[in-house]
């Protein structure tokens, strides 16, 4: 299957809202997801520090196969969110997103963190692109769920956008 990747720009308010709603399930691992999305991602789109891309099947452009949210504020180069819907997994969407992130962020080693509940799903993809495991952070965003960093260290406070990249 062929997929098309499109950027969601800051003037597309309805699309931005829809993406936030589609990703609402992330609050199970990230309780402050909506605050982060509305107070960091959405304003970051306006100043080109955040970018949202969606993948759609070429023949069904009204259906979203996956979403990636990137951050590049001059200090941090991070994949903030990478999600591929189950029916589209193992079809190259995750690889397309990683390659897009590497290109857009201008680094072969963008930072990413993954929760315990999703770590196994990401292992093959992150290994494929040479991501280096850095550290486990117990109860970083939510009690009893560890966060795992790749290509950089998180800071101690659990803020969604705080980490240190070592390239």
Foldseek 3Di string as FASTA:
>chain_A
DDKDKDKDALVNVVVLVVVLVVCVVCCVVFVCSVVCSVVPANVCRVVVQKIKMFIDHPVCNVDTQWMWMFGDPPFATATLDTDGDPVCPPVCPLVVVLVVSCVVSVHLEHKYKDKPVCVVVCVVVCVVSPWAWDDWAACLRHHRIIITMTQWAADRRSPSPGTHGDD
